[in-house]
Each structure stands twice: as C-alpha cells, then as structure tokens.
C-alpha cells in the first residue's frame, strides 16, 4: 500500500489507509503517541468519524478516521493551512507509512 495525497479539503490530506478500520486508527494513534511523543489535545468522536488534533513540530494537525474514507492526516485549519503545514503532513505521513508497512509489528494495538 502506498501513501495517497489529495487536496479535496483545500489543504494537503495524506490518506494513510483508505479502507482502514478502527483498529488501524488506534494503531496509528499509538505510533504517534509512543514514537513521536505526541499528545492529542482535542478528541472528537462521532458515530462515523473521529478527529484527534495534535501538534507536530509546531504545526496543528488532525488524525482523522471515517468509516467511509478510512484514515488520514491533514492540517487542522484545512482551507487556511499554510504551505509549511501541508509539508509537515507529507513529512509525518511518510514516516508513518514506513512504520506501518515495514513489517514492524511491535506497534499493533
């Protein structure tokens, strides 16, 4: 599986798993927490979506889950995101992709 980037939201959205489920969402959240020492500042859990906000290298980002569209990362400000916020999404998603698909199974939730 390869990382997909899209701009439907008006910013760069990195699709980590377009068919990912809750188990994989929590696996990604666990990797962010443990490997990057990320603390989620705002957690919104709805019936069909989850949005967890966090800071990465000074950028406000959102880890998103949807039962329809899978798991993705994007700048929290979406349409008002700066170019450097979009670059941070691409950087973090690239590192996450390596951790998720390298066969490193120690992070399975």
PDB file of N, CA and C in Angstrom:
ATOM      1  N   UNK A   1       0.843  -1.170   0.000  1.00  0.00           N
ATOM      2  CA  UNK A   1       0.000   0.000   0.000  1.00  0.00           C
ATOM      3  C   UNK A   1       0.892   1.238   0.000  1.00  0.00           C
ATOM      4  N   UNK A   2       0.536   2.219  -0.816  1.00  0.00           N
ATOM      5  CA  UNK A   2       1.328   3.433  -0.865  1.00  0.00           C
ATOM      6  C   UNK A   2       0.501   4.624  -0.389  1.00  0.00           C
ATOM      7  N   UNK A   3       1.195   5.605   0.069  1.00  0.00           N
ATOM      8  CA  UNK A   3       0.586   6.812   0.583  1.00  0.00           C
ATOM      9  C   UNK A   3      -0.079   7.580  -0.556  1.00  0.00           C
ATOM     10  N   UNK A   4      -1.278   8.084  -0.300  1.00  0.00           N
ATOM     11  CA  UNK A   4      -2.003   8.886  -1.279  1.00  0.00           C
ATOM     12  C   UNK A   4      -2.170  10.288  -0.730  1.00  0.00           C
ATOM     13  N   UNK A   5      -1.854  11.274  -1.551  1.00  0.00           N
ATOM     14  CA  UNK A   5      -2.053  12.668  -1.172  1.00  0.00           C
ATOM     15  C   UNK A   5      -3.193  13.233  -2.002  1.00  0.00           C
ATOM     16  N   UNK A   6      -4.069  14.001  -1.359  1.00  0.00           N
ATOM     17  CA  UNK A   6      -5.153  14.651  -2.088  1.00  0.00           C
ATOM     18  C   UNK A   6      -5.404  16.029  -1.488  1.00  0.00           C
ATOM     19  N   UNK A   7      -6.111  16.864  -2.231  1.00  0.00           N
ATOM     20  CA  UNK A   7      -6.337  18.246  -1.809  1.00  0.00           C
ATOM     21  C   UNK A   7      -7.817  18.611  -1.794  1.00  0.00           C
ATOM     22  N   UNK A   8      -8.687  17.656  -1.643  1.00  0.00           N
ATOM     23  CA  UNK A   8     -10.133  17.896  -1.643  1.00  0.00           C
ATOM     24  C   UNK A   8     -10.581  18.855  -0.553  1.00  0.00           C
ATOM     25  N   UNK A   9      -9.866  18.906   0.560  1.00  0.00           N
ATOM     26  CA  UNK A   9     -10.251  19.749   1.692  1.00  0.00           C
ATOM     27  C   UNK A   9      -9.708  21.170   1.580  1.00  0.00           C
ATOM     28  N   UNK A  10      -8.934  21.461   0.538  1.00  0.00           N
ATOM     29  CA  UNK A  10      -8.308  22.766   0.401  1.00  0.00           C
ATOM     30  C   UNK A  10      -6.931  22.815   1.013  1.00  0.00           C
ATOM     31  N   UNK A  11      -6.432  21.673   1.451  1.00  0.00           N
ATOM     32  CA  UNK A  11      -5.100  21.530   2.018  1.00  0.00           C
ATOM     33  C   UNK A  11      -4.586  20.164   1.584  1.00  0.00           C
ATOM     34  N   UNK A  12      -3.380  19.831   1.991  1.00  0.00           N
ATOM     35  CA  UNK A  12      -2.862  18.503   1.688  1.00  0.00           C
ATOM     36  C   UNK A  12      -3.378  17.522   2.728  1.00  0.00           C
ATOM     37  N   UNK A  13      -4.044  16.499   2.239  1.00  0.00           N
ATOM     38  CA  UNK A  13      -4.522  15.415   3.098  1.00  0.00           C
ATOM     39  C   UNK A  13      -3.755  14.166   2.704  1.00  0.00           C
ATOM     40  N   UNK A  14      -3.125  13.530   3.670  1.00  0.00           N
ATOM     41  CA  UNK A  14      -2.392  12.294   3.431  1.00  0.00           C
ATOM     42  C   UNK A  14      -3.269  11.129   3.843  1.00  0.00           C
ATOM     43  N   UNK A  15      -3.684  10.333   2.874  1.00  0.00           N
ATOM     44  CA  UNK A  15      -4.519   9.177   3.149  1.00  0.00           C
ATOM     45  C   UNK A  15      -3.600   8.020   3.530  1.00  0.00           C
ATOM     46  N   UNK A  16      -3.709   7.613   4.771  1.00  0.00           N
ATOM     47  CA  UNK A  16      -2.860   6.546   5.289  1.00  0.00           C
ATOM     48  C   UNK A  16      -3.424   5.181   4.918  1.00  0.00           C
ATOM     49  N   UNK A  17      -4.741   5.043   5.019  1.00  0.00           N
ATOM     50  CA  UNK A  17      -5.410   3.791   4.657  1.00  0.00           C
ATOM     51  C   UNK A  17      -6.850   4.109   4.267  1.00  0.00           C
ATOM     52  N   UNK A  18      -7.139   4.045   2.970  1.00  0.00           N
ATOM     53  CA  UNK A  18      -8.481   4.406   2.527  1.00  0.00           C
ATOM     54  C   UNK A  18      -9.536   3.382   2.930  1.00  0.00           C
ATOM     55  N   UNK A  19      -9.091   2.208   3.355  1.00  0.00           N
ATOM     56  CA  UNK A  19     -10.023   1.185   3.824  1.00  0.00           C
ATOM     57  C   UNK A  19      -9.724   0.779   5.272  1.00  0.00           C
ATOM     58  N   UNK A  20      -9.003   1.659   5.984  1.00  0.00           N
ATOM     59  CA  UNK A  20      -8.597   1.346   7.354  1.00  0.00           C
ATOM     60  C   UNK A  20      -9.756   1.388   8.328  1.00  0.00           C
ATOM     61  N   UNK A  21      -9.704   0.514   9.299  1.00  0.00           N
ATOM     62  CA  UNK A  21     -10.732   0.445  10.320  1.00  0.00           C
ATOM     63  C   UNK A  21     -10.263   1.063  11.629  1.00  0.00           C
ATOM     64  N   UNK A  22     -11.103   0.920  12.647  1.00  0.00           N
ATOM     65  CA  UNK A  22     -10.794   1.485  13.958  1.00  0.00           C
ATOM     66  C   UNK A  22      -9.496   0.925  14.548  1.00  0.00           C
ATOM     67  N   UNK A  23      -9.282  -0.360  14.377  1.00  0.00           N
ATOM     68  CA  UNK A  23      -8.071  -0.976  14.925  1.00  0.00           C
ATOM     69  C   UNK A  23      -6.829  -0.305  14.340  1.00  0.00           C
ATOM     70  N   UNK A  24      -6.845  -0.047  13.037  1.00  0.00           N
ATOM     71  CA  UNK A  24      -5.696   0.595  12.406  1.00  0.00           C
ATOM     72  C   UNK A  24      -5.595   2.071  12.820  1.00  0.00           C
ATOM     73  N   UNK A  25      -6.733   2.746  13.012  1.00  0.00           N
ATOM     74  CA  UNK A  25      -6.707   4.128  13.501  1.00  0.00           C
ATOM     75  C   UNK A  25      -6.001   4.180  14.855  1.00  0.00           C
ATOM     76  N   UNK A  26      -6.357   3.299  15.754  1.00  0.00           N
ATOM     77  CA  UNK A  26      -5.733   3.291  17.077  1.00  0.00           C
ATOM     78  C   UNK A  26      -4.267   2.881  17.000  1.00  0.00           C
ATOM     79  N   UNK A  27      -3.911   2.063  16.043  1.00  0.00           N
ATOM     80  CA  UNK A  27      -2.507   1.701  15.835  1.00  0.00           C
ATOM     81  C   UNK A  27      -1.709   2.942  15.426  1.00  0.00           C
ATOM     82  N   UNK A  28      -2.256   3.737  14.498  1.00  0.00           N
ATOM     83  CA  UNK A  28      -1.596   4.966  14.071  1.00  0.00           C
ATOM     84  C   UNK A  28      -1.481   5.933  15.256  1.00  0.00           C
ATOM     85  N   UNK A  29      -2.561   6.102  16.004  1.00  0.00           N
ATOM     86  CA  UNK A  29      -2.544   6.984  17.178  1.00  0.00           C
ATOM     87  C   UNK A  29      -1.494   6.520  18.181  1.00  0.00           C
ATOM     88  N   UNK A  30      -1.368   5.221  18.359  1.00  0.00           N
ATOM     89  CA  UNK A  30      -0.375   4.661  19.280  1.00  0.00           C
ATOM     90  C   UNK A  30       1.040   4.955  18.805  1.00  0.00           C
ATOM     91  N   UNK A  31       1.293   4.821  17.517  1.00  0.00           N
ATOM     92  CA  UNK A  31       2.617   5.130  16.964  1.00  0.00           C
ATOM     93  C   UNK A  31       2.930   6.606  17.176  1.00  0.00           C
ATOM     94  N   UNK A  32       1.960   7.474  16.886  1.00  0.00           N
ATOM     95  CA  UNK A  32       2.175   8.907  17.090  1.00  0.00           C
ATOM     96  C   UNK A  32       2.494   9.212  18.551  1.00  0.00           C
ATOM     97  N   UNK A  33       1.762   8.597  19.465  1.00  0.00           N
ATOM     98  CA  UNK A  33       1.975   8.840  20.893  1.00  0.00           C
ATOM     99  C   UNK A  33       3.313   8.319  21.376  1.00  0.00           C
ATOM    100  N   UNK A  34       3.627   7.082  21.017  1.00  0.00           N
ATOM    101  CA  UNK A  34       4.826   6.446  21.553  1.00  0.00           C
ATOM    102  C   UNK A  34       6.106   6.867  20.828  1.00  0.00           C
ATOM    103  N   UNK A  35       6.086   6.872  19.513  1.00  0.00           N
ATOM    104  CA  UNK A  35       7.308   7.125  18.751  1.00  0.00           C
ATOM    105  C   UNK A  35       7.605   8.607  18.549  1.00  0.00           C
ATOM    106  N   UNK A  36       6.590   9.443  18.590  1.00  0.00           N
ATOM    107  CA  UNK A  36       6.777  10.872  18.351  1.00  0.00           C
ATOM    108  C   UNK A  36       6.433  11.718  19.581  1.00  0.00           C
ATOM    109  N   UNK A  37       6.070  11.071  20.663  1.00  0.00           N
ATOM    110  CA  UNK A  37       5.715  11.746  21.918  1.00  0.00           C
ATOM    111  C   UNK A  37       4.630  12.795  21.702  1.00  0.00           C
ATOM    112  N   UNK A  38       3.665  12.456  20.866  1.00  0.00           N
ATOM    113  CA  UNK A  38       2.563  13.360  20.549  1.00  0.00           C
ATOM    114  C   UNK A  38       1.454  13.185  21.571  1.00  0.00           C
ATOM    115  N   UNK A  39       0.925  14.318  22.005  1.00  0.00           N
ATOM    116  CA  UNK A  39      -0.223  14.339  22.913  1.00  0.00           C
ATOM    117  C   UNK A  39      -1.405  14.886  22.130  1.00  0.00           C
ATOM    118  N   UNK A  40      -2.498  14.187  22.144  1.00  0.00           N
ATOM    119  CA  UNK A  40      -3.694  14.636  21.435  1.00  0.00           C
ATOM    120  C   UNK A  40      -4.407  15.660  22.312  1.00  0.00           C
ATOM    121  N   UNK A  41      -4.659  16.842  21.744  1.00  0.00           N
ATOM    122  CA  UNK A  41      -5.200  17.951  22.520  1.00  0.00           C
ATOM    123  C   UNK A  41      -6.718  18.048  22.456  1.00  0.00           C
ATOM    124  N   UNK A  42      -7.293  17.581  21.417  1.00  0.00           N
ATOM    125  CA  UNK A  42      -8.743  17.674  21.247  1.00  0.00           C
ATOM    126  C   UNK A  42      -9.216  16.418  20.535  1.00  0.00           C
ATOM    127  N   UNK A  43     -10.081  15.663  21.180  1.00  0.00           N
ATOM    128  CA  UNK A  43     -10.584  14.421  20.593  1.00  0.00           C
ATOM    129  C   UNK A  43     -12.080  14.536  20.379  1.00  0.00           C
ATOM    130  N   UNK A  44     -12.500  14.430  19.126  1.00  0.00           N
ATOM    131  CA  UNK A  44     -13.919  14.439  18.802  1.00  0.00           C
ATOM    132  C   UNK A  44     -14.276  13.099  18.175  1.00  0.00           C
ATOM    133  N   UNK A  45     -15.096  12.340  18.883  1.00  0.00           N
ATOM    134  CA  UNK A  45     -15.518  11.018  18.421  1.00  0.00           C
ATOM    135  C   UNK A  45     -17.012  11.063  18.137  1.00  0.00           C
ATOM    136  N   UNK A  46     -17.371  10.893  16.881  1.00  0.00           N
ATOM    137  CA  UNK A  46     -18.771  10.838  16.476  1.00  0.00           C
ATOM    138  C   UNK A  46     -19.107   9.422  16.030  1.00  0.00           C
ATOM    139  N   UNK A  47     -20.330   9.239  15.596  1.00  0.00           N
ATOM    140  CA  UNK A  47     -20.794   7.919  15.170  1.00  0.00           C
ATOM    141  C   UNK A  47     -19.945   7.351  14.032  1.00  0.00           C
ATOM    142  N   UNK A  48     -19.672   8.164  13.015  1.00  0.00           N
ATOM    143  CA  UNK A  48     -18.978   7.646  11.834  1.00  0.00           C
ATOM    144  C   UNK A  48     -17.630   8.304  11.565  1.00  0.00           C
ATOM    145  N   UNK A  49     -17.194   9.245  12.423  1.00  0.00           N
ATOM    146  CA  UNK A  49     -15.895   9.886  12.251  1.00  0.00           C
ATOM    147  C   UNK A  49     -15.221  10.131  13.598  1.00  0.00           C
ATOM    148  N   UNK A  50     -13.897  10.208  13.545  1.00  0.00           N
ATOM    149  CA  UNK A  50     -13.085  10.565  14.701  1.00  0.00           C
ATOM    150  C   UNK A  50     -12.059  11.581  14.225  1.00  0.00           C
ATOM    151  N   UNK A  51     -11.921  12.680  14.953  1.00  0.00           N
ATOM    152  CA  UNK A  51     -10.896  13.688  14.676  1.00  0.00           C
ATOM    153  C   UNK A  51     -10.123  13.957  15.954  1.00  0.00           C
ATOM    154  N   UNK A  52      -8.830  13.666  15.914  1.00  0.00           N
ATOM    155  CA  UNK A  52      -7.960  13.914  17.051  1.00  0.00           C
ATOM    156  C   UNK A  52      -6.899  14.922  16.631  1.00  0.00           C
ATOM    157  N   UNK A  53      -6.855  16.072  17.296  1.00  0.00           N
ATOM    158  CA  UNK A  53      -5.910  17.127  16.975  1.00  0.00           C
ATOM    159  C   UNK A  53      -4.636  16.972  17.800  1.00  0.00           C
ATOM    160  N   UNK A  54      -3.517  17.413  17.206  1.00  0.00           N
ATOM    161  CA  UNK A  54      -2.227  17.350  17.886  1.00  0.00           C
ATOM    162  C   UNK A  54      -1.262  18.322  17.233  1.00  0.00           C
ATOM    163  N   UNK A  55      -0.121  18.532  17.897  1.00  0.00           N
ATOM    164  CA  UNK A  55       0.937  19.385  17.342  1.00  0.00           C
ATOM    165  C   UNK A  55       2.124  18.518  16.952  1.00  0.00           C
ATOM    166  N   UNK A  56       2.663  18.798  15.770  1.00  0.00           N
ATOM    167  CA  UNK A  56       3.851  18.109  15.270  1.00  0.00           C
ATOM    168  C   UNK A  56       4.813  19.170  14.738  1.00  0.00           C
ATOM    169  N   UNK A  57       5.942  19.320  15.401  1.00  0.00           N
ATOM    170  CA  UNK A  57       6.954  20.308  15.015  1.00  0.00           C
ATOM    171  C   UNK A  57       6.358  21.697  14.846  1.00  0.00           C
ATOM    172  N   UNK A  58       5.470  22.076  15.738  1.00  0.00           N
ATOM    173  CA  UNK A  58       4.882  23.402  15.716  1.00  0.00           C
ATOM    174  C   UNK A  58       3.684  23.563  14.797  1.00  0.00           C
ATOM    175  N   UNK A  59       3.223  22.483  14.186  1.00  0.00           N
ATOM    176  CA  UNK A  59       2.085  22.530  13.260  1.00  0.00           C
ATOM    177  C   UNK A  59       0.879  21.834  13.883  1.00  0.00           C
ATOM    178  N   UNK A  60      -0.284  22.445  13.757  1.00  0.00           N
ATOM    179  CA  UNK A  60      -1.519  21.830  14.245  1.00  0.00           C
ATOM    180  C   UNK A  60      -2.069  20.910  13.162  1.00  0.00           C
ATOM    181  N   UNK A  61      -2.116  19.622  13.504  1.00  0.00           N
ATOM    182  CA  UNK A  61      -2.573  18.607  12.556  1.00  0.00           C
ATOM    183  C   UNK A  61      -3.726  17.818  13.157  1.00  0.00           C
ATOM    184  N   UNK A  62      -4.433  17.094  12.296  1.00  0.00           N
ATOM    185  CA  UNK A  62      -5.552  16.259  12.726  1.00  0.00           C
ATOM    186  C   UNK A  62      -5.384  14.854  12.175  1.00  0.00           C
ATOM    187  N   UNK A  63      -5.527  13.880  13.058  1.00  0.00           N
ATOM    188  CA  UNK A  63      -5.626  12.484  12.657  1.00  0.00           C
ATOM    189  C   UNK A  63      -7.110  12.203  12.520  1.00  0.00           C
ATOM    190  N   UNK A  64      -7.518  11.755  11.349  1.00  0.00           N
ATOM    191  CA  UNK A  64      -8.935  11.613  11.018  1.00  0.00           C
ATOM    192  C   UNK A  64      -9.264  10.162  10.672  1.00  0.00           C
ATOM    193  N   UNK A  65     -10.425   9.718  11.137  1.00  0.00           N
ATOM    194  CA  UNK A  65     -10.956   8.402  10.761  1.00  0.00           C
ATOM    195  C   UNK A  65     -12.400   8.572  10.308  1.00  0.00           C
ATOM    196  N   UNK A  66     -12.747   7.926   9.226  1.00  0.00           N
ATOM    197  CA  UNK A  66     -14.114   7.916   8.732  1.00  0.00           C
ATOM    198  C   UNK A  66     -14.444   6.499   8.277  1.00  0.00           C
ATOM    199  N   UNK A  67     -15.628   6.017   8.631  1.00  0.00           N
ATOM    200  CA  UNK A  67     -15.998   4.669   8.186  1.00  0.00           C
ATOM    201  C   UNK A  67     -16.144   4.626   6.671  1.00  0.00           C
ATOM    202  N   UNK A  68     -16.280   5.785   6.045  1.00  0.00           N
ATOM    203  CA  UNK A  68     -16.451   5.849   4.589  1.00  0.00           C
ATOM    204  C   UNK A  68     -15.136   6.052   3.847  1.00  0.00           C
ATOM    205  N   UNK A  69     -14.193   6.816   4.446  1.00  0.00           N
ATOM    206  CA  UNK A  69     -12.971   7.199   3.735  1.00  0.00           C
ATOM    207  C   UNK A  69     -11.679   6.732   4.377  1.00  0.00           C
ATOM    208  N   UNK A  70     -11.746   6.011   5.483  1.00  0.00           N
ATOM    209  CA  UNK A  70     -10.546   5.478   6.107  1.00  0.00           C
ATOM    210  C   UNK A  70      -9.826   6.454   7.020  1.00  0.00           C
ATOM    211  N   UNK A  71      -8.483   6.369   7.030  1.00  0.00           N
ATOM    212  CA  UNK A  71      -7.643   7.108   7.963  1.00  0.00           C
ATOM    213  C   UNK A  71      -6.775   8.094   7.194  1.00  0.00           C
ATOM    214  N   UNK A  72      -6.715   9.329   7.692  1.00  0.00           N
ATOM    215  CA  UNK A  72      -5.893  10.334   7.022  1.00  0.00           C
ATOM    216  C   UNK A  72      -5.364  11.351   8.027  1.00  0.00           C
ATOM    217  N   UNK A  73      -4.416  12.140   7.556  1.00  0.00           N
ATOM    218  CA  UNK A  73      -3.827  13.258   8.304  1.00  0.00           C
ATOM    219  C   UNK A  73      -4.012  14.521   7.484  1.00  0.00           C
ATOM    220  N   UNK A  74      -4.300  15.633   8.146  1.00  0.00           N
ATOM    221  CA  UNK A  74      -4.366  16.906   7.443  1.00  0.00           C
ATOM    222  C   UNK A  74      -4.175  18.046   8.434  1.00  0.00           C
ATOM    223  N   UNK A  75      -3.830  19.244   7.931  1.00  0.00           N
ATOM    224  CA  UNK A  75      -3.720  20.398   8.828  1.00  0.00           C
ATOM    225  C   UNK A  75      -5.078  20.701   9.445  1.00  0.00           C
ATOM    226  N   UNK A  76      -5.082  21.052  10.708  1.00  0.00           N
ATOM    227  CA  UNK A  76      -6.331  21.307  11.413  1.00  0.00           C
ATOM    228  C   UNK A  76      -7.109  22.462  10.778  1.00  0.00           C
ATOM    229  N   UNK A  77      -6.412  23.466  10.277  1.00  0.00           N
ATOM    230  CA  UNK A  77      -7.075  24.627   9.677  1.00  0.00           C
ATOM    231  C   UNK A  77      -7.622  24.365   8.274  1.00  0.00           C
ATOM    232  N   UNK A  78      -7.410  23.241   7.696  1.00  0.00           N
ATOM    233  CA  UNK A  78      -7.793  22.840   6.333  1.00  0.00           C
ATOM    234  C   UNK A  78      -7.607  23.967   5.315  1.00  0.00           C
ATOM    235  N   UNK A  79      -8.649  24.667   4.964  1.00  0.00           N
ATOM    236  CA  UNK A  79      -8.566  25.680   3.888  1.00  0.00           C
ATOM    237  C   UNK A  79      -7.628  26.840   4.204  1.00  0.00           C
ATOM    238  N   UNK A  80      -7.381  27.112   5.476  1.00  0.00           N
ATOM    239  CA  UNK A  80      -6.481  28.193   5.872  1.00  0.00           C
ATOM    240  C   UNK A  80      -5.069  27.690   6.184  1.00  0.00           C
ATOM    241  N   UNK A  81      -4.792  26.450   5.821  1.00  0.00           N
ATOM    242  CA  UNK A  81      -3.482  25.868   6.126  1.00  0.00           C
ATOM    243  C   UNK A  81      -2.383  26.568   5.328  1.00  0.00           C
ATOM    244  N   UNK A  82      -1.253  26.726   5.977  1.00  0.00           N
ATOM    245  CA  UNK A  82      -0.084  27.302   5.319  1.00  0.00           C
ATOM    246  C   UNK A  82       0.668  26.210   4.570  1.00  0.00           C
ATOM    247  N   UNK A  83       1.485  26.618   3.626  1.00  0.00           N
ATOM    248  CA  UNK A  83       2.283  25.661   2.856  1.00  0.00           C
ATOM    249  C   UNK A  83       3.142  24.788   3.778  1.00  0.00           C
ATOM    250  N   UNK A  84       3.707  25.393   4.821  1.00  0.00           N
ATOM    251  CA  UNK A  84       4.554  24.621   5.741  1.00  0.00           C
ATOM    252  C   UNK A  84       3.736  23.607   6.543  1.00  0.00           C
ATOM    253  N   UNK A  85       2.449  23.884   6.787  1.00  0.00           N
ATOM    254  CA  UNK A  85       1.580  22.905   7.451  1.00  0.00           C
ATOM    255  C   UNK A  85       1.373  21.700   6.541  1.00  0.00           C
ATOM    256  N   UNK A  86       1.149  21.978   5.258  1.00  0.00           N
ATOM    257  CA  UNK A  86       0.973  20.900   4.284  1.00  0.00           C
ATOM    258  C   UNK A  86       2.224  20.049   4.160  1.00  0.00           C
ATOM    259  N   UNK A  87       3.384  20.690   4.200  1.00  0.00           N
ATOM    260  CA  UNK A  87       4.653  19.960   4.127  1.00  0.00           C
ATOM    261  C   UNK A  87       4.844  19.082   5.357  1.00  0.00           C
ATOM    262  N   UNK A  88       4.409  19.561   6.526  1.00  0.00           N
ATOM    263  CA  UNK A  88       4.516  18.773   7.755  1.00  0.00           C
ATOM    264  C   UNK A  88       3.651  17.516   7.655  1.00  0.00           C
ATOM    265  N   UNK A  89       2.475  17.640   7.040  1.00  0.00           N
ATOM    266  CA  UNK A  89       1.603  16.474   6.833  1.00  0.00           C
ATOM    267  C   UNK A  89       2.321  15.434   5.985  1.00  0.00           C
ATOM    268  N   UNK A  90       2.922  15.872   4.883  1.00  0.00           N
ATOM    269  CA  UNK A  90       3.618  14.952   3.980  1.00  0.00           C
ATOM    270  C   UNK A  90       4.796  14.296   4.688  1.00  0.00           C
ATOM    271  N   UNK A  91       5.545  15.089   5.457  1.00  0.00           N
ATOM    272  CA  UNK A  91       6.690  14.550   6.191  1.00  0.00           C
ATOM    273  C   UNK A  91       6.251  13.483   7.192  1.00  0.00           C
ATOM    274  N   UNK A  92       5.274  13.803   8.019  1.00  0.00           N
ATOM    275  CA  UNK A  92       4.821  12.867   9.047  1.00  0.00           C
ATOM    276  C   UNK A  92       4.196  11.628   8.419  1.00  0.00           C
ATOM    277  N   UNK A  93       3.418  11.808   7.390  1.00  0.00           N
ATOM    278  CA  UNK A  93       2.769  10.665   6.736  1.00  0.00           C
ATOM    279  C   UNK A  93       3.802   9.725   6.121  1.00  0.00           C
ATOM    280  N   UNK A  94       4.865  10.285   5.580  1.00  0.00           N
ATOM    281  CA  UNK A  94       5.923   9.448   5.013  1.00  0.00           C
ATOM    282  C   UNK A  94       6.594   8.588   6.059  1.00  0.00           C
ATOM    283  N   UNK A  95       6.864   9.170   7.221  1.00  0.00           N
ATOM    284  CA  UNK A  95       7.479   8.412   8.312  1.00  0.00           C
ATOM    285  C   UNK A  95       6.500   7.363   8.839  1.00  0.00           C
ATOM    286  N   UNK A  96       5.242   7.753   8.980  1.00  0.00           N
ATOM    287  CA  UNK A  96       4.219   6.804   9.440  1.00  0.00           C
ATOM    288  C   UNK A  96       4.085   5.631   8.484  1.00  0.00           C
ATOM    289  N   UNK A  97       4.108   5.923   7.199  1.00  0.00           N
ATOM    290  CA  UNK A  97       3.990   4.866   6.188  1.00  0.00           C
ATOM    291  C   UNK A  97       5.102   3.838   6.370  1.00  0.00           C
ATOM    292  N   UNK A  98       6.311   4.325   6.604  1.00  0.00           N
ATOM    293  CA  UNK A  98       7.432   3.419   6.826  1.00  0.00           C
ATOM    294  C   UNK A  98       7.235   2.554   8.057  1.00  0.00           C
ATOM    295  N   UNK A  99       6.710   3.133   9.117  1.00  0.00           N
ATOM    296  CA  UNK A  99       6.492   2.376  10.354  1.00  0.00           C
ATOM    297  C   UNK A  99       5.335   1.391  10.223  1.00  0.00           C
ATOM    298  N   UNK A 100       4.295   1.784   9.512  1.00  0.00           N
ATOM    299  CA  UNK A 100       3.114   0.925   9.389  1.00  0.00           C
ATOM    300  C   UNK A 100       3.340  -0.256   8.444  1.00  0.00           C
ATOM    301  N   UNK A 101       4.109  -0.026   7.407  1.00  0.00           N
ATOM    302  CA  UNK A 101       4.205  -1.051   6.363  1.00  0.00           C
ATOM    303  C   UNK A 101       5.579  -1.676   6.237  1.00  0.00           C
ATOM    304  N   UNK A 102       6.433  -1.476   7.264  1.00  0.00           N
ATOM    305  CA  UNK A 102       7.778  -2.033   7.210  1.00  0.00           C
ATOM    306  C   UNK A 102       7.846  -3.439   7.803  1.00  0.00           C
ATOM    307  N   UNK A 103       6.717  -3.899   8.326  1.00  0.00           N
ATOM    308  CA  UNK A 103       6.741  -5.196   8.982  1.00  0.00           C
ATOM    309  C   UNK A 103       7.035  -5.078  10.461  1.00  0.00           C
ATOM    310  N   UNK A 104       7.171  -3.854  10.962  1.00  0.00           N
ATOM    311  CA  UNK A 104       7.395  -3.628  12.392  1.00  0.00           C
ATOM    312  C   UNK A 104       6.073  -3.861  13.115  1.00  0.00           C
ATOM    313  N   UNK A 105       5.940  -4.986  13.746  1.00  0.00           N
ATOM    314  CA  UNK A 105       4.686  -5.369  14.368  1.00  0.00           C
ATOM    315  C   UNK A 105       4.575  -4.996  15.840  1.00  0.00           C
ATOM    316  N   UNK A 106       5.597  -4.351  16.400  1.00  0.00           N
ATOM    317  CA  UNK A 106       5.558  -4.047  17.835  1.00  0.00           C
ATOM    318  C   UNK A 106       4.526  -3.002  18.191  1.00  0.00           C
ATOM    319  N   UNK A 107       3.998  -2.257  17.201  1.00  0.00           N
ATOM    320  CA  UNK A 107       3.065  -1.172  17.478  1.00  0.00           C
ATOM    321  C   UNK A 107       1.614  -1.558  17.272  1.00  0.00           C
ATOM    322  N   UNK A 108       1.333  -2.821  17.096  1.00  0.00           N
ATOM    323  CA  UNK A 108      -0.062  -3.230  16.870  1.00  0.00           C
ATOM    324  C   UNK A 108      -0.851  -3.030  18.155  1.00  0.00           C
ATOM    325  N   UNK A 109      -1.963  -2.322  18.038  1.00  0.00           N
ATOM    326  CA  UNK A 109      -2.790  -2.036  19.214  1.00  0.00           C
ATOM    327  C   UNK A 109      -3.629  -3.230  19.597  1.00  0.00           C
TER     328      UNK A 109
END
